[in-house]
Amino acid sequence: MSRVLRPLKICRFRRLARVELGRELIIVALAMATSTLGAIGGLGGAIVLVPLLTLGGMSITSAAPLGLVSVIAGSVAAGRRQVSDGTVNHRFAVVTELGASSGAIVGVLLSGVLSERVLMWCLAVFALTAALLGARRKGIRWQPDPSLARSDVGERKGSLAGAYLLDDAVVPYAPSRMKLGVGLMAVAGVVTGLAGVGGGFLKTPLSSEVMRLPAKVAAGTSTFTIGLTASVALVLMAIDGRIVASDAALVVLGALIGGTLGARVQRRLSPPVVRRTTALALVAIAALLVARA
């Protein structure tokens, strides 16, 4: 009898091993694809990754921490190239992050108050609103300044203004309406804590349309800040024992590759294309969230 059962056990083990390998490859592929999109538009891949994982049968309680892991890894991977292009404004990031991180703590503490269905519908409404904000504007707000050189790329000392490199030209900019923007960033932080997403799908259009950053600077700075916001929420989730280390490692691998690819693609795109790409991605995200709800 044992001789008969042994081959059956071996076949079952191999079948389970193939299923597990397929699951692992899917997680890596999803993390890579969503992080690539997130780095291009500054959305953070989690807003797509979390719904996709839940559609695959994973609970949102398990998927949310993986979403935050992908945001952090993607932010680290994209950061080096975006900083060199001057599309990350660290002073602006620190100011807005004060509101976002505070909101993230509140969101984590409130997680579980809303049902998954209500939360998905709320995220869909937020995504559509952000898409409309980005899609309604035409052209380029900030124009290149021929008097500026490559040495002027970066942040201006003593202010939140700066300049970034667009093709071979230098474009100066100065954000505005900061009080309103920081308040709305706190709302984005609450969403991060509630749903395990980076909040970039709100931060990027808020930075671009409310505080008037150039589209590429808004996306680059958002990619940088959502990693910080996600870190705050992830620490609290880790304390709560909600992180599966093996799945998190797979997400980190995919997100590092995706973040690097996304930053390279964004560098080649014009600001209007970045803005339209972001708006289209947000509409697709809203549809995905409605389907999940």
Protein backbone atom coordinates (compact mmCIF):
# COMPACT_ATOMS: atom_id res chain seq x y z
CA MET A 1 0.00 0.00 0.00
CA SER A 2 2.82 2.40 0.89
CA ARG A 3 4.42 1.77 -2.53
CA VAL A 4 1.16 2.80 -4.19
CA LEU A 5 0.61 5.90 -2.06
CA ARG A 6 4.18 7.22 -2.36
CA PRO A 7 3.90 8.16 -6.10
CA LEU A 8 0.55 9.79 -5.39
CA LYS A 9 2.09 11.90 -2.65
CA ILE A 10 4.97 12.90 -4.93
CA CYS A 11 2.55 13.93 -7.72
CA ARG A 12 0.49 15.94 -5.28
CA PHE A 13 3.60 17.67 -3.95
CA ARG A 14 4.75 18.55 -7.46
CA ARG A 15 1.31 19.88 -8.36
CA LEU A 16 1.23 22.06 -5.28
CA ALA A 17 4.76 23.26 -5.99
CA ARG A 18 3.76 24.30 -9.53
CA VAL A 19 0.71 26.13 -8.21
CA GLU A 20 2.80 27.94 -5.60
CA LEU A 21 5.44 28.88 -8.18
CA GLY A 22 2.74 30.23 -10.48
CA ARG A 23 1.29 32.28 -7.63
CA GLU A 24 4.72 33.72 -6.80
CA LEU A 25 5.40 34.69 -10.42
CA ILE A 26 2.00 36.38 -10.66
CA ILE A 27 2.71 38.45 -7.54
CA VAL A 28 6.10 39.55 -8.90
CA ALA A 29 4.60 40.40 -12.32
CA LEU A 30 1.72 42.38 -10.82
CA ALA A 31 4.08 44.32 -8.54
CA MET A 32 6.38 45.12 -11.47
CA ALA A 33 3.58 46.26 -13.80
CA THR A 34 1.78 48.37 -11.22
CA SER A 35 4.99 49.98 -9.93
CA THR A 36 5.98 50.90 -13.50
CA LEU A 37 2.65 52.68 -13.96
CA GLY A 38 2.94 54.23 -10.51
CA ALA A 39 6.37 55.72 -11.20
CA ILE A 40 5.27 57.22 -14.53
CA GLY A 41 2.27 59.04 -13.11
CA GLY A 42 3.27 59.38 -9.46
CA LEU A 43 0.22 57.35 -8.50
CA GLY A 44 1.87 54.61 -6.50
CA GLY A 45 1.35 51.08 -7.75
CA ALA A 46 -0.66 50.04 -4.69
CA ILE A 47 -3.87 51.68 -5.91
CA VAL A 48 -3.87 49.11 -8.75
CA LEU A 49 -2.06 46.24 -7.00
CA VAL A 50 -4.38 45.99 -3.99
CA PRO A 51 -7.62 45.63 -6.03
CA LEU A 52 -5.93 43.13 -8.37
CA LEU A 53 -4.80 41.01 -5.43
CA THR A 54 -8.28 41.09 -3.90
CA LEU A 55 -9.79 40.12 -7.27
CA GLY A 56 -7.46 37.09 -7.14
CA GLY A 57 -8.97 36.00 -3.85
CA MET A 58 -6.71 37.69 -1.30
CA SER A 59 -8.45 39.58 1.49
CA ILE A 60 -7.93 43.34 1.65
CA THR A 61 -6.45 42.85 5.13
CA SER A 62 -3.63 40.81 3.59
CA ALA A 63 -3.37 42.81 0.35
CA ALA A 64 -3.13 46.26 1.96
CA PRO A 65 0.31 45.71 3.58
CA LEU A 66 1.65 44.33 0.28
CA GLY A 67 0.40 47.47 -1.43
CA LEU A 68 2.37 49.62 1.00
CA VAL A 69 5.48 47.47 0.47
CA SER A 70 5.21 47.99 -3.30
CA VAL A 71 4.90 51.75 -2.83
CA ILE A 72 8.02 51.94 -0.67
CA ALA A 73 10.14 49.73 -2.95
CA GLY A 74 8.94 51.52 -6.10
CA SER A 75 9.68 54.90 -4.55
CA VAL A 76 13.24 53.87 -3.68
CA ALA A 77 13.86 52.48 -7.17
CA ALA A 78 12.53 55.54 -9.02
CA GLY A 79 14.03 58.14 -6.71
CA ARG A 80 17.63 58.29 -7.98
CA ARG A 81 16.77 59.06 -11.60
CA GLN A 82 13.99 61.49 -10.74
CA VAL A 83 16.21 63.42 -8.33
CA SER A 84 18.89 63.81 -11.03
CA ASP A 85 16.28 65.33 -13.39
CA GLY A 86 15.15 67.81 -10.74
CA THR A 87 11.61 66.41 -10.65
CA VAL A 88 11.69 65.81 -6.88
CA ASN A 89 11.23 68.89 -4.68
CA HIS A 90 12.26 67.77 -1.19
CA ARG A 91 11.21 70.97 0.59
CA PHE A 92 7.75 70.78 -0.92
CA ALA A 93 7.65 67.08 -0.04
CA VAL A 94 8.48 67.69 3.63
CA VAL A 95 5.81 70.39 4.01
CA THR A 96 3.04 68.36 2.40
CA GLU A 97 4.14 65.15 4.10
CA LEU A 98 3.35 66.61 7.51
CA GLY A 99 -0.33 66.57 6.61
CA ALA A 100 -0.20 63.24 4.76
CA SER A 101 1.60 61.31 7.52
CA SER A 102 -0.77 62.65 10.18
CA GLY A 103 -3.69 61.52 8.07
CA ALA A 104 -2.11 58.08 7.53
CA ILE A 105 -1.94 57.48 11.28
CA VAL A 106 -5.62 58.40 11.63
CA GLY A 107 -6.50 56.14 8.70
CA VAL A 108 -4.76 53.09 10.18
CA LEU A 109 -6.46 53.65 13.53
CA LEU A 110 -9.82 53.85 11.75
CA SER A 111 -9.19 50.82 9.51
CA GLY A 112 -12.00 48.32 9.90
CA VAL A 113 -14.60 51.03 10.53
CA LEU A 114 -15.66 51.03 6.86
CA SER A 115 -16.71 47.87 5.05
CA GLU A 116 -14.66 46.76 2.03
CA ARG A 117 -17.53 47.65 -0.31
CA VAL A 118 -17.90 51.20 1.03
CA LEU A 119 -14.12 51.67 0.99
CA MET A 120 -13.85 50.56 -2.66
CA TRP A 121 -16.62 52.95 -3.72
CA CYS A 122 -14.96 55.81 -1.85
CA LEU A 123 -11.63 55.09 -3.57
CA ALA A 124 -13.35 54.96 -6.96
CA VAL A 125 -14.95 58.37 -6.41
CA PHE A 126 -11.61 59.83 -5.30
CA ALA A 127 -9.88 58.38 -8.38
CA LEU A 128 -12.47 59.80 -10.81
CA THR A 129 -12.33 63.21 -9.14
CA ALA A 130 -8.54 63.24 -9.41
CA ALA A 131 -8.78 62.20 -13.09
CA LEU A 132 -11.13 65.10 -13.86
CA LEU A 133 -8.79 67.55 -12.14
CA GLY A 134 -5.88 66.44 -14.29
CA ALA A 135 -7.74 66.03 -17.59
CA ARG A 136 -9.53 69.37 -17.67
CA ARG A 137 -6.36 71.45 -18.16
CA LYS A 138 -4.67 71.80 -21.53
CA GLY A 139 -1.13 72.71 -22.52
CA ILE A 140 1.87 73.44 -20.30
CA ARG A 141 1.57 75.84 -17.35
CA TRP A 142 5.28 76.39 -16.75
CA GLN A 143 7.40 77.31 -19.77
CA PRO A 144 11.18 76.88 -20.26
CA ASP A 145 13.39 79.87 -19.44
CA PRO A 146 16.27 80.31 -21.95
CA SER A 147 18.25 82.36 -19.43
CA LEU A 148 18.57 79.37 -17.06
CA ALA A 149 21.33 76.75 -17.32
CA ARG A 150 21.55 73.12 -16.16
CA SER A 151 23.22 74.34 -12.98
CA ASP A 152 19.91 75.99 -12.03
CA VAL A 153 18.07 72.63 -11.99
CA GLY A 154 16.88 71.76 -8.49
CA GLU A 155 15.32 73.51 -5.52
CA ARG A 156 15.68 77.22 -4.82
CA LYS A 157 17.16 77.96 -1.40
CA GLY A 158 14.80 79.57 1.09
CA SER A 159 11.59 78.73 -0.81
CA LEU A 160 9.52 75.90 -2.27
CA ALA A 161 10.25 77.03 -5.83
CA GLY A 162 12.65 75.26 -8.15
CA ALA A 163 13.47 74.26 -11.71
CA TYR A 164 13.53 70.96 -13.58
CA LEU A 165 15.02 69.64 -16.78
CA LEU A 166 12.63 69.17 -19.71
CA ASP A 167 14.48 67.72 -22.72
CA ASP A 168 17.40 70.17 -23.00
CA ALA A 169 15.57 73.16 -21.48
CA VAL A 170 15.27 74.32 -17.86
CA VAL A 171 11.76 75.06 -16.57
CA PRO A 172 11.28 77.21 -13.42
CA TYR A 173 8.19 76.88 -11.19
CA ALA A 174 6.75 78.07 -7.85
CA PRO A 175 3.89 76.25 -6.00
CA SER A 176 0.94 78.17 -4.53
CA ARG A 177 -2.18 77.66 -2.33
CA MET A 178 -0.12 75.61 0.10
CA LYS A 179 -2.52 75.77 3.10
CA LEU A 180 -5.38 74.29 1.10
CA GLY A 181 -3.05 71.73 -0.44
CA VAL A 182 -1.62 70.51 2.89
CA GLY A 183 -5.15 70.11 4.27
CA LEU A 184 -6.15 67.99 1.29
CA MET A 185 -2.92 65.99 1.62
CA ALA A 186 -4.10 64.99 5.09
CA VAL A 187 -7.20 63.49 3.46
CA ALA A 188 -4.94 61.55 1.08
CA GLY A 189 -3.06 60.26 4.12
CA VAL A 190 -6.27 59.00 5.72
CA VAL A 191 -7.01 57.07 2.52
CA THR A 192 -3.51 55.56 2.70
CA GLY A 193 -4.07 54.26 6.21
CA LEU A 194 -7.57 52.96 5.51
CA ALA A 195 -6.91 51.12 2.27
CA GLY A 196 -3.18 50.37 2.23
CA VAL A 197 -2.52 52.49 -0.86
CA GLY A 198 0.20 55.09 -1.23
CA GLY A 199 -2.18 57.98 -1.76
CA GLY A 200 -0.28 59.02 -4.87
CA PHE A 201 -3.43 58.88 -7.00
CA LEU A 202 -4.59 61.84 -4.89
CA LYS A 203 -1.24 63.48 -4.14
CA THR A 204 -0.16 63.91 -7.75
CA PRO A 205 -3.29 65.76 -8.99
CA LEU A 206 -3.42 67.76 -5.75
CA SER A 207 0.18 68.88 -6.25
CA SER A 208 -0.36 69.63 -9.94
CA GLU A 209 -3.84 71.18 -10.00
CA VAL A 210 -4.27 72.64 -6.51
CA MET A 211 -0.71 73.70 -5.68
CA ARG A 212 0.28 74.20 -9.33
CA LEU A 213 3.45 72.14 -9.60
CA PRO A 214 4.50 71.05 -13.12
CA ALA A 215 3.06 67.64 -13.98
CA LYS A 216 6.45 65.88 -14.00
CA VAL A 217 7.54 67.49 -10.72
CA ALA A 218 4.20 66.59 -9.14
CA ALA A 219 4.64 62.97 -10.25
CA GLY A 220 8.28 62.73 -9.18
CA THR A 221 7.71 64.37 -5.81
CA SER A 222 4.63 62.23 -5.21
CA THR A 223 6.61 59.06 -5.95
CA PHE A 224 9.11 60.19 -3.32
CA THR A 225 6.57 61.20 -0.65
CA ILE A 226 4.22 58.24 -0.96
CA GLY A 227 7.08 56.02 0.13
CA LEU A 228 7.31 58.03 3.35
CA THR A 229 3.55 58.03 3.93
CA ALA A 230 3.36 54.29 3.25
CA SER A 231 6.21 53.65 5.71
CA VAL A 232 4.24 55.23 8.55
CA ALA A 233 1.19 53.07 7.83
CA LEU A 234 3.28 49.93 7.24
CA VAL A 235 4.98 50.16 10.64
CA LEU A 236 1.59 50.16 12.34
CA MET A 237 0.44 47.21 10.24
CA ALA A 238 3.64 45.32 11.08
CA ILE A 239 3.00 45.84 14.78
CA ASP A 240 -0.47 44.40 14.19
CA GLY A 241 1.11 41.28 12.59
CA ARG A 242 -0.50 41.78 9.16
CA ILE A 243 2.63 41.29 6.98
CA VAL A 244 3.46 37.95 5.32
CA ALA A 245 7.24 38.10 4.83
CA SER A 246 7.39 35.72 1.84
CA ASP A 247 4.77 37.64 -0.14
CA ALA A 248 6.34 40.96 0.82
CA ALA A 249 9.72 39.81 -0.56
CA LEU A 250 8.11 38.96 -3.91
CA VAL A 251 6.44 42.37 -4.07
CA VAL A 252 9.74 44.14 -3.28
CA LEU A 253 11.44 42.32 -6.18
CA GLY A 254 8.75 43.27 -8.68
CA ALA A 255 8.41 46.85 -7.41
CA LEU A 256 12.14 47.56 -7.60
CA ILE A 257 12.19 46.53 -11.25
CA GLY A 258 8.96 48.40 -12.02
CA GLY A 259 10.00 51.59 -10.27
CA THR A 260 13.26 51.70 -12.23
CA LEU A 261 11.48 51.14 -15.56
CA GLY A 262 8.77 53.69 -14.77
CA ALA A 263 11.28 56.43 -13.94
CA ARG A 264 13.10 55.83 -17.24
CA VAL A 265 9.86 55.99 -19.24
CA GLN A 266 8.69 59.15 -17.47
CA ARG A 267 11.93 60.90 -18.37
CA ARG A 268 11.10 60.55 -22.08
CA LEU A 269 7.51 61.84 -21.82
CA SER A 270 6.29 65.45 -22.13
CA PRO A 271 4.26 67.00 -19.25
CA PRO A 272 0.93 66.84 -21.14
CA VAL A 273 1.51 63.16 -21.90
CA VAL A 274 2.32 62.48 -18.23
CA ARG A 275 -0.87 64.31 -17.22
CA ARG A 276 -3.06 62.46 -19.74
CA THR A 277 -1.48 59.12 -18.85
CA THR A 278 -2.22 59.80 -15.19
CA ALA A 279 -5.84 60.73 -15.94
CA LEU A 280 -6.43 57.60 -18.05
CA ALA A 281 -4.84 55.41 -15.39
CA LEU A 282 -7.10 56.94 -12.75
CA VAL A 283 -10.21 56.21 -14.82
CA ALA A 284 -9.06 52.59 -15.24
CA ILE A 285 -8.39 52.40 -11.50
CA ALA A 286 -11.90 53.69 -10.72
CA ALA A 287 -13.43 51.07 -13.03
CA LEU A 288 -11.36 48.35 -11.38
CA LEU A 289 -12.45 49.47 -7.92
CA VAL A 290 -16.13 49.54 -8.92
CA ALA A 291 -15.78 46.02 -10.33
CA ARG A 292 -14.20 44.90 -7.05
CA ALA A 293 -16.99 46.52 -5.01
